[in-house]
PDB file of N, CA and C in Angstrom:
ATOM      1  N   MET A   1     103.243  78.962 114.834  1.00  0.00           N
ATOM      2  CA  MET A   1     103.532  79.549 113.902  1.00  0.00           C
ATOM      3  C   MET A   1     101.811  80.024 113.547  1.00  0.00           C
ATOM      4  N   ARG A   2     101.782  80.828 113.201  1.00  0.00           N
ATOM      5  CA  ARG A   2     100.322  82.056 113.309  1.00  0.00           C
ATOM      6  C   ARG A   2     100.811  82.464 111.407  1.00  0.00           C
ATOM      7  N   ASP A   3      99.511  82.319 110.986  1.00  0.00           N
ATOM      8  CA  ASP A   3      99.090  82.252 109.360  1.00  0.00           C
ATOM      9  C   ASP A   3      99.226  83.607 108.757  1.00  0.00           C
ATOM     10  N   SER A   4      98.981  83.777 108.042  1.00  0.00           N
ATOM     11  CA  SER A   4      99.286  84.812 106.889  1.00  0.00           C
ATOM     12  C   SER A   4      98.331  85.750 107.212  1.00  0.00           C
ATOM     13  N   PHE A   5      96.755  84.973 107.423  1.00  0.00           N
ATOM     14  CA  PHE A   5      95.859  85.676 107.718  1.00  0.00           C
ATOM     15  C   PHE A   5      96.331  87.212 108.763  1.00  0.00           C
ATOM     16  N   HIS A   6      96.087  86.297 109.973  1.00  0.00           N
ATOM     17  CA  HIS A   6      96.467  86.582 111.664  1.00  0.00           C
ATOM     18  C   HIS A   6      97.965  87.475 111.080  1.00  0.00           C
ATOM     19  N   VAL A   7      99.340  87.023 111.003  1.00  0.00           N
ATOM     20  CA  VAL A   7      99.975  88.428 111.134  1.00  0.00           C
ATOM     21  C   VAL A   7      99.875  89.629 110.292  1.00  0.00           C
ATOM     22  N   GLY A   8      99.137  89.276 108.870  1.00  0.00           N
ATOM     23  CA  GLY A   8      98.635  90.391 107.888  1.00  0.00           C
ATOM     24  C   GLY A   8      98.100  91.409 108.765  1.00  0.00           C
ATOM     25  N   TRP A   9      96.260  91.124 109.530  1.00  0.00           N
ATOM     26  CA  TRP A   9      96.055  92.025 110.873  1.00  0.00           C
ATOM     27  C   TRP A   9      97.026  92.386 111.491  1.00  0.00           C
ATOM     28  N   ASP A  10      98.519  91.880 111.968  1.00  0.00           N
ATOM     29  CA  ASP A  10      98.856  92.688 113.228  1.00  0.00           C
ATOM     30  C   ASP A  10     100.127  93.903 112.943  1.00  0.00           C
ATOM     31  N   ALA A  11     100.234  93.777 111.584  1.00  0.00           N
ATOM     32  CA  ALA A  11     100.883  94.363 110.945  1.00  0.00           C
ATOM     33  C   ALA A  11     100.424  95.916 110.218  1.00  0.00           C
ATOM     34  N   TYR A  12      98.835  95.450 110.415  1.00  0.00           N
ATOM     35  CA  TYR A  12      98.051  96.630 110.201  1.00  0.00           C
ATOM     36  C   TYR A  12      97.849  97.239 111.517  1.00  0.00           C
ATOM     37  N   LYS A  13      97.850  97.059 112.050  1.00  0.00           N
ATOM     38  CA  LYS A  13      98.212  97.597 113.906  1.00  0.00           C
ATOM     39  C   LYS A  13      99.018  97.779 114.658  1.00  0.00           C
ATOM     40  N   GLU A  14      99.896  97.273 113.983  1.00  0.00           N
ATOM     41  CA  GLU A  14     101.484  97.939 113.939  1.00  0.00           C
ATOM     42  C   GLU A  14     101.922  99.024 113.738  1.00  0.00           C
ATOM     43  N   GLY A  15     101.458  98.676 112.268  1.00  0.00           N
ATOM     44  CA  GLY A  15     102.073  99.915 111.184  1.00  0.00           C
ATOM     45  C   GLY A  15     103.349  98.780 110.342  1.00  0.00           C
ATOM     46  N   GLY A  16     103.179  97.583 110.550  1.00  0.00           N
ATOM     47  CA  GLY A  16     104.718  97.655 109.886  1.00  0.00           C
ATOM     48  C   GLY A  16     106.014  97.731 110.200  1.00  0.00           C
ATOM     49  N   ARG A  17     105.323  97.828 111.575  1.00  0.00           N
ATOM     50  CA  ARG A  17     107.392  97.815 111.391  1.00  0.00           C
ATOM     51  C   ARG A  17     108.021  96.652 112.334  1.00  0.00           C
ATOM     52  N   TYR A  18     107.919  95.809 112.387  1.00  0.00           N
ATOM     53  CA  TYR A  18     108.278  94.783 112.473  1.00  0.00           C
ATOM     54  C   TYR A  18     108.812  93.728 111.257  1.00  0.00           C
ATOM     55  N   PRO A  19     109.730  93.812 110.841  1.00  0.00           N
ATOM     56  CA  PRO A  19     109.736  93.110 109.684  1.00  0.00           C
ATOM     57  C   PRO A  19     109.361  91.687 109.340  1.00  0.00           C
ATOM     58  N   GLU A  20     108.748  90.614 110.657  1.00  0.00           N
ATOM     59  CA  GLU A  20     108.123  89.415 111.028  1.00  0.00           C
ATOM     60  C   GLU A  20     107.089  89.604 110.403  1.00  0.00           C
ATOM     61  N   SER A  21     106.035  90.629 110.729  1.00  0.00           N
ATOM     62  CA  SER A  21     105.092  90.858 110.405  1.00  0.00           C
ATOM     63  C   SER A  21     104.518  91.578 108.275  1.00  0.00           C
ATOM     64  N   LEU A  22     105.608  91.078 107.799  1.00  0.00           N
ATOM     65  CA  LEU A  22     105.344  91.154 106.374  1.00  0.00           C
ATOM     66  C   LEU A  22     105.396  89.861 105.753  1.00  0.00           C
ATOM     67  N   PRO A  23     104.539  90.051 104.451  1.00  0.00           N
ATOM     68  CA  PRO A  23     105.075  88.295 103.430  1.00  0.00           C
ATOM     69  C   PRO A  23     106.083  88.424 103.300  1.00  0.00           C
ATOM     70  N   HIS A  24     106.385  87.316 102.561  1.00  0.00           N
ATOM     71  CA  HIS A  24     108.083  87.647 101.537  1.00  0.00           C
ATOM     72  C   HIS A  24     107.100  87.806  99.903  1.00  0.00           C
ATOM     73  N   LEU A  25     108.365  88.447  99.494  1.00  0.00           N
ATOM     74  CA  LEU A  25     108.371  88.081  98.043  1.00  0.00           C
ATOM     75  C   LEU A  25     108.090  86.989  97.185  1.00  0.00           C
ATOM     76  N   ASN A  26     107.593  86.949  96.741  1.00  0.00           N
ATOM     77  CA  ASN A  26     107.260  85.956  95.441  1.00  0.00           C
ATOM     78  C   ASN A  26     106.224  84.837  95.988  1.00  0.00           C
ATOM     79  N   GLU A  27     105.646  84.773  97.329  1.00  0.00           N
ATOM     80  CA  GLU A  27     104.620  83.904  97.750  1.00  0.00           C
ATOM     81  C   GLU A  27     102.997  84.798  97.856  1.00  0.00           C
ATOM     82  N   MET A  28     103.103  83.859  97.187  1.00  0.00           N
ATOM     83  CA  MET A  28     102.070  84.952  95.571  1.00  0.00           C
ATOM     84  C   MET A  28     100.430  84.643  96.959  1.00  0.00           C
ATOM     85  N   GLU A  29     100.022  83.136  97.770  1.00  0.00           N
ATOM     86  CA  GLU A  29      99.009  82.603  98.076  1.00  0.00           C
ATOM     87  C   GLU A  29      99.399  83.000  99.572  1.00  0.00           C
ATOM     88  N   ALA A  30     100.181  83.047 100.546  1.00  0.00           N
ATOM     89  CA  ALA A  30     100.697  83.655 101.330  1.00  0.00           C
ATOM     90  C   ALA A  30     100.354  85.686 101.455  1.00  0.00           C
ATOM     91  N   GLN A  31     100.765  85.870 100.145  1.00  0.00           N
ATOM     92  CA  GLN A  31     100.649  87.129  99.695  1.00  0.00           C
ATOM     93  C   GLN A  31      99.220  87.765 100.560  1.00  0.00           C
ATOM     94  N   ARG A  32      98.414  87.209  99.197  1.00  0.00           N
ATOM     95  CA  ARG A  32      96.540  87.248  99.696  1.00  0.00           C
ATOM     96  C   ARG A  32      95.601  87.072 100.798  1.00  0.00           C
ATOM     97  N   ALA A  33      96.147  86.363 101.587  1.00  0.00           N
ATOM     98  CA  ALA A  33      95.975  85.559 102.978  1.00  0.00           C
ATOM     99  C   ALA A  33      96.444  87.033 103.698  1.00  0.00           C
ATOM    100  N   TRP A  34      97.826  86.830 103.442  1.00  0.00           N
ATOM    101  CA  TRP A  34      98.346  88.057 104.515  1.00  0.00           C
ATOM    102  C   TRP A  34      97.324  90.033 104.253  1.00  0.00           C
ATOM    103  N   LEU A  35      96.962  89.786 102.461  1.00  0.00           N
ATOM    104  CA  LEU A  35      96.017  91.192 102.343  1.00  0.00           C
ATOM    105  C   LEU A  35      95.101  91.151 103.446  1.00  0.00           C
ATOM    106  N   GLY A  36      94.377  89.659 103.197  1.00  0.00           N
ATOM    107  CA  GLY A  36      92.824  89.600 103.712  1.00  0.00           C
ATOM    108  C   GLY A  36      92.989  90.087 105.578  1.00  0.00           C
ATOM    109  N   GLY A  37      94.194  89.947 105.867  1.00  0.00           N
ATOM    110  CA  GLY A  37      94.150  89.981 107.107  1.00  0.00           C
ATOM    111  C   GLY A  37      94.437  91.647 107.761  1.00  0.00           C
ATOM    112  N   PHE A  38      94.813  92.225 106.912  1.00  0.00           N
ATOM    113  CA  PHE A  38      95.668  93.605 107.109  1.00  0.00           C
ATOM    114  C   PHE A  38      94.090  94.252 106.045  1.00  0.00           C
ATOM    115  N   GLY A  39      93.542  93.837 105.513  1.00  0.00           N
ATOM    116  CA  GLY A  39      92.102  94.830 105.298  1.00  0.00           C
ATOM    117  C   GLY A  39      91.708  94.224 106.305  1.00  0.00           C
ATOM    118  N   ALA A  40      90.858  92.916 106.846  1.00  0.00           N
ATOM    119  CA  ALA A  40      90.097  93.098 108.270  1.00  0.00           C
ATOM    120  C   ALA A  40      90.098  94.350 108.427  1.00  0.00           C
ATOM    121  N   ALA A  41      91.593  93.790 109.820  1.00  0.00           N
ATOM    122  CA  ALA A  41      91.921  95.287 110.058  1.00  0.00           C
ATOM    123  C   ALA A  41      91.807  96.605 110.118  1.00  0.00           C
ATOM    124  N   TRP A  42      91.984  97.746 108.619  1.00  0.00           N
ATOM    125  CA  TRP A  42      91.989  98.285 108.548  1.00  0.00           C
ATOM    126  C   TRP A  42      90.757  98.535 107.978  1.00  0.00           C
ATOM    127  N   MET A  43      89.158  97.425 107.955  1.00  0.00           N
ATOM    128  CA  MET A  43      87.954  97.414 107.554  1.00  0.00           C
ATOM    129  C   MET A  43      87.561  98.158 109.283  1.00  0.00           C
ATOM    130  N   GLU A  44      87.999  97.710 110.124  1.00  0.00           N
ATOM    131  CA  GLU A  44      87.635  97.325 111.541  1.00  0.00           C
ATOM    132  C   GLU A  44      88.121  98.963 112.819  1.00  0.00           C
ATOM    133  N   ALA A  45      89.196  99.519 111.762  1.00  0.00           N
ATOM    134  CA  ALA A  45      89.330 100.394 112.431  1.00  0.00           C
ATOM    135  C   ALA A  45      88.408 101.547 111.964  1.00  0.00           C
ATOM    136  N   SER A  46      87.278 102.164 112.860  1.00  0.00           N
ATOM    137  CA  SER A  46      86.362 102.513 111.840  1.00  0.00           C
ATOM    138  C   SER A  46      86.978 104.287 112.007  1.00  0.00           C
ATOM    139  N   GLU A  47      88.118 104.803 112.407  1.00  0.00           N
ATOM    140  CA  GLU A  47      89.015 105.367 113.180  1.00  0.00           C
ATOM    141  C   GLU A  47      89.204 106.550 112.144  1.00  0.00           C
ATOM    142  N   GLU A  48      89.426 105.290 110.774  1.00  0.00           N
ATOM    143  CA  GLU A  48      90.906 105.195 109.583  1.00  0.00           C
ATOM    144  C   GLU A  48      90.160 106.040 108.769  1.00  0.00           C
ATOM    145  N   ASP A  49      91.266 107.161 108.127  1.00  0.00           N
ATOM    146  CA  ASP A  49      90.767 107.879 107.192  1.00  0.00           C
ATOM    147  C   ASP A  49      91.582 107.912 106.376  1.00  0.00           C
ATOM    148  N   ALA A  50      92.571 106.952 106.087  1.00  0.00           N
ATOM    149  CA  ALA A  50      93.374 107.103 104.481  1.00  0.00           C
ATOM    150  C   ALA A  50      92.654 105.405 104.243  1.00  0.00           C
ATOM    151  N   SER A  51      92.988 105.693 102.886  1.00  0.00           N
ATOM    152  CA  SER A  51      92.676 104.371 101.867  1.00  0.00           C
ATOM    153  C   SER A  51      93.293 103.189 102.771  1.00  0.00           C
ATOM    154  N   ILE A  52      93.080 101.811 101.838  1.00  0.00           N
ATOM    155  CA  ILE A  52      93.150 100.662 102.303  1.00  0.00           C
ATOM    156  C   ILE A  52      94.617 101.268 101.551  1.00  0.00           C
ATOM    157  N   ASP A  53      95.108 101.010 100.248  1.00  0.00           N
ATOM    158  CA  ASP A  53      96.291 101.927  99.812  1.00  0.00           C
ATOM    159  C   ASP A  53      97.088 103.103 100.122  1.00  0.00           C
ATOM    160  N   GLU A  54      96.324 103.661 100.968  1.00  0.00           N
ATOM    161  CA  GLU A  54      97.629 104.739 102.048  1.00  0.00           C
ATOM    162  C   GLU A  54      98.055 104.098 103.236  1.00  0.00           C
ATOM    163  N   ALA A  55      97.351 103.076 103.811  1.00  0.00           N
ATOM    164  CA  ALA A  55      97.529 101.906 104.971  1.00  0.00           C
ATOM    165  C   ALA A  55      98.498 101.149 104.591  1.00  0.00           C
ATOM    166  N   LEU A  56      98.754 100.408 103.278  1.00  0.00           N
ATOM    167  CA  LEU A  56      99.425  99.722 102.846  1.00  0.00           C
ATOM    168  C   LEU A  56     100.868 100.328 102.672  1.00  0.00           C
ATOM    169  N   VAL A  57     101.365 101.498 101.750  1.00  0.00           N
ATOM    170  CA  VAL A  57     102.130 102.060 101.727  1.00  0.00           C
ATOM    171  C   VAL A  57     102.744 102.960 102.528  1.00  0.00           C
ATOM    172  N   ARG A  58     101.558 103.278 103.434  1.00  0.00           N
ATOM    173  CA  ARG A  58     102.939 103.257 105.320  1.00  0.00           C
ATOM    174  C   ARG A  58     103.525 102.223 105.999  1.00  0.00           C
ATOM    175  N   ALA A  59     102.849 101.106 105.753  1.00  0.00           N
ATOM    176  CA  ALA A  59     102.985  99.611 106.821  1.00  0.00           C
ATOM    177  C   ALA A  59     104.398  98.696 105.661  1.00  0.00           C
ATOM    178  N   LEU A  60     104.428  99.722 104.159  1.00  0.00           N
ATOM    179  CA  LEU A  60     105.326  99.189 103.681  1.00  0.00           C
ATOM    180  C   LEU A  60     106.545 100.198 102.634  1.00  0.00           C
ATOM    181  N   ASP A  61     106.784 101.054 103.683  1.00  0.00           N
ATOM    182  CA  ASP A  61     107.714 102.034 103.668  1.00  0.00           C
ATOM    183  C   ASP A  61     109.115 101.445 103.468  1.00  0.00           C
ATOM    184  N   GLY A  62     109.817 101.834 102.517  1.00  0.00           N
ATOM    185  CA  GLY A  62     111.007 101.140 102.258  1.00  0.00           C
ATOM    186  C   GLY A  62     111.188  99.955 101.405  1.00  0.00           C
ATOM    187  N   ARG A  63     109.643  99.121 101.318  1.00  0.00           N
ATOM    188  CA  ARG A  63     109.615  97.931 100.618  1.00  0.00           C
ATOM    189  C   ARG A  63     108.846  98.340  98.993  1.00  0.00           C
ATOM    190  N   ALA A  64     109.553  98.546  98.137  1.00  0.00           N
ATOM    191  CA  ALA A  64     108.825  99.253  96.998  1.00  0.00           C
ATOM    192  C   ALA A  64     108.654  97.649  96.304  1.00  0.00           C
ATOM    193  N   GLU A  65     109.224  96.793  96.188  1.00  0.00           N
ATOM    194  CA  GLU A  65     108.623  95.510  95.519  1.00  0.00           C
ATOM    195  C   GLU A  65     108.056  94.528  95.988  1.00  0.00           C
ATOM    196  N   LEU A  66     107.617  94.571  97.196  1.00  0.00           N
ATOM    197  CA  LEU A  66     107.248  94.015  98.376  1.00  0.00           C
ATOM    198  C   LEU A  66     105.739  94.625  97.425  1.00  0.00           C
ATOM    199  N   LEU A  67     105.253  96.365  98.687  1.00  0.00           N
ATOM    200  CA  LEU A  67     104.225  97.333  98.232  1.00  0.00           C
ATOM    201  C   LEU A  67     102.911  96.884  96.675  1.00  0.00           C
ATOM    202  N   ARG A  68     104.437  96.857  94.899  1.00  0.00           N
ATOM    203  CA  ARG A  68     104.614  96.099  94.345  1.00  0.00           C
ATOM    204  C   ARG A  68     103.181  94.785  94.133  1.00  0.00           C
ATOM    205  N   GLN A  69     103.937  93.874  94.867  1.00  0.00           N
ATOM    206  CA  GLN A  69     103.545  92.316  94.049  1.00  0.00           C
ATOM    207  C   GLN A  69     102.357  92.751  95.026  1.00  0.00           C
ATOM    208  N   LEU A  70     102.341  92.930  96.360  1.00  0.00           N
ATOM    209  CA  LEU A  70     100.490  93.799  96.514  1.00  0.00           C
ATOM    210  C   LEU A  70      99.781  93.967  95.789  1.00  0.00           C
ATOM    211  N   ARG A  71     100.365  94.882  94.962  1.00  0.00           N
ATOM    212  CA  ARG A  71      98.810  96.135  94.623  1.00  0.00           C
ATOM    213  C   ARG A  71      99.038  95.162  93.105  1.00  0.00           C
ATOM    214  N   SER A  72      99.513  94.248  92.464  1.00  0.00           N
ATOM    215  CA  SER A  72      98.688  93.280  91.732  1.00  0.00           C
ATOM    216  C   SER A  72      97.858  92.171  92.010  1.00  0.00           C
ATOM    217  N   HIS A  73      98.243  92.099  92.690  1.00  0.00           N
ATOM    218  CA  HIS A  73      96.837  90.983  93.847  1.00  0.00           C
ATOM    219  C   HIS A  73      95.512  91.223  93.304  1.00  0.00           C
ATOM    220  N   ARG A  74      95.472  92.836  93.091  1.00  0.00           N
ATOM    221  CA  ARG A  74      94.154  93.993  92.737  1.00  0.00           C
ATOM    222  C   ARG A  74      93.278  93.473  91.660  1.00  0.00           C
ATOM    223  N   GLU A  75      93.858  92.792  90.841  1.00  0.00           N
ATOM    224  CA  GLU A  75      93.218  92.961  89.628  1.00  0.00           C
ATOM    225  C   GLU A  75      92.386  92.129  89.606  1.00  0.00           C
ATOM    226  N   GLY A  76      92.245  90.648  90.566  1.00  0.00           N
ATOM    227  CA  GLY A  76      91.415  89.716  90.574  1.00  0.00           C
ATOM    228  C   GLY A  76      90.931  89.619  91.896  1.00  0.00           C
ATOM    229  N   TRP A  77      90.926  91.081  91.873  1.00  0.00           N
ATOM    230  CA  TRP A  77      90.033  90.868  93.537  1.00  0.00           C
ATOM    231  C   TRP A  77      88.365  90.134  93.757  1.00  0.00           C
ATOM    232  N   GLY A  78      87.799  91.400  91.946  1.00  0.00           N
ATOM    233  CA  GLY A  78      86.754  91.574  92.748  1.00  0.00           C
ATOM    234  C   GLY A  78      85.913  89.752  91.217  1.00  0.00           C
ATOM    235  N   ASN A  79      86.892  89.331  91.059  1.00  0.00           N
ATOM    236  CA  ASN A  79      86.572  88.275  89.856  1.00  0.00           C
ATOM    237  C   ASN A  79      86.948  86.667  91.403  1.00  0.00           C
ATOM    238  N   ARG A  80      87.381  87.109  92.343  1.00  0.00           N
ATOM    239  CA  ARG A  80      87.462  85.615  93.938  1.00  0.00           C
ATOM    240  C   ARG A  80      85.856  85.240  94.015  1.00  0.00           C
ATOM    241  N   THR A  81      85.747  83.936  93.625  1.00  0.00           N
ATOM    242  CA  THR A  81      85.429  83.208  95.001  1.00  0.00           C
ATOM    243  C   THR A  81      85.620  82.564  96.304  1.00  0.00           C
ATOM    244  N   VAL A  82      84.519  82.099  96.639  1.00  0.00           N
ATOM    245  CA  VAL A  82      84.614  81.441  97.873  1.00  0.00           C
ATOM    246  C   VAL A  82      84.719  79.637  97.863  1.00  0.00           C
ATOM    247  N   GLN A  83      84.897  78.784  98.466  1.00  0.00           N
ATOM    248  CA  GLN A  83      85.500  77.145  97.714  1.00  0.00           C
ATOM    249  C   GLN A  83      84.948  76.844  99.160  1.00  0.00           C
TER     250      GLN A  83
END
């Protein structure tokens, strides 16, 4: 089984087309790891003109509650430390 980081990476590359490439609702730790992979893939795509939020909106089209939960992680992004 692949970890959430790699699933998020693939979700960016695939545009979120596959439900199995999206994190589950209410699994906050898995969502953070998924966002890390999604964001890393977005950063690697140097030709990407869209913001990370615009890429999330595209990948999560029709999944408003999941988008809301993923956006809720932004508040603490600047306060995280590596352990």
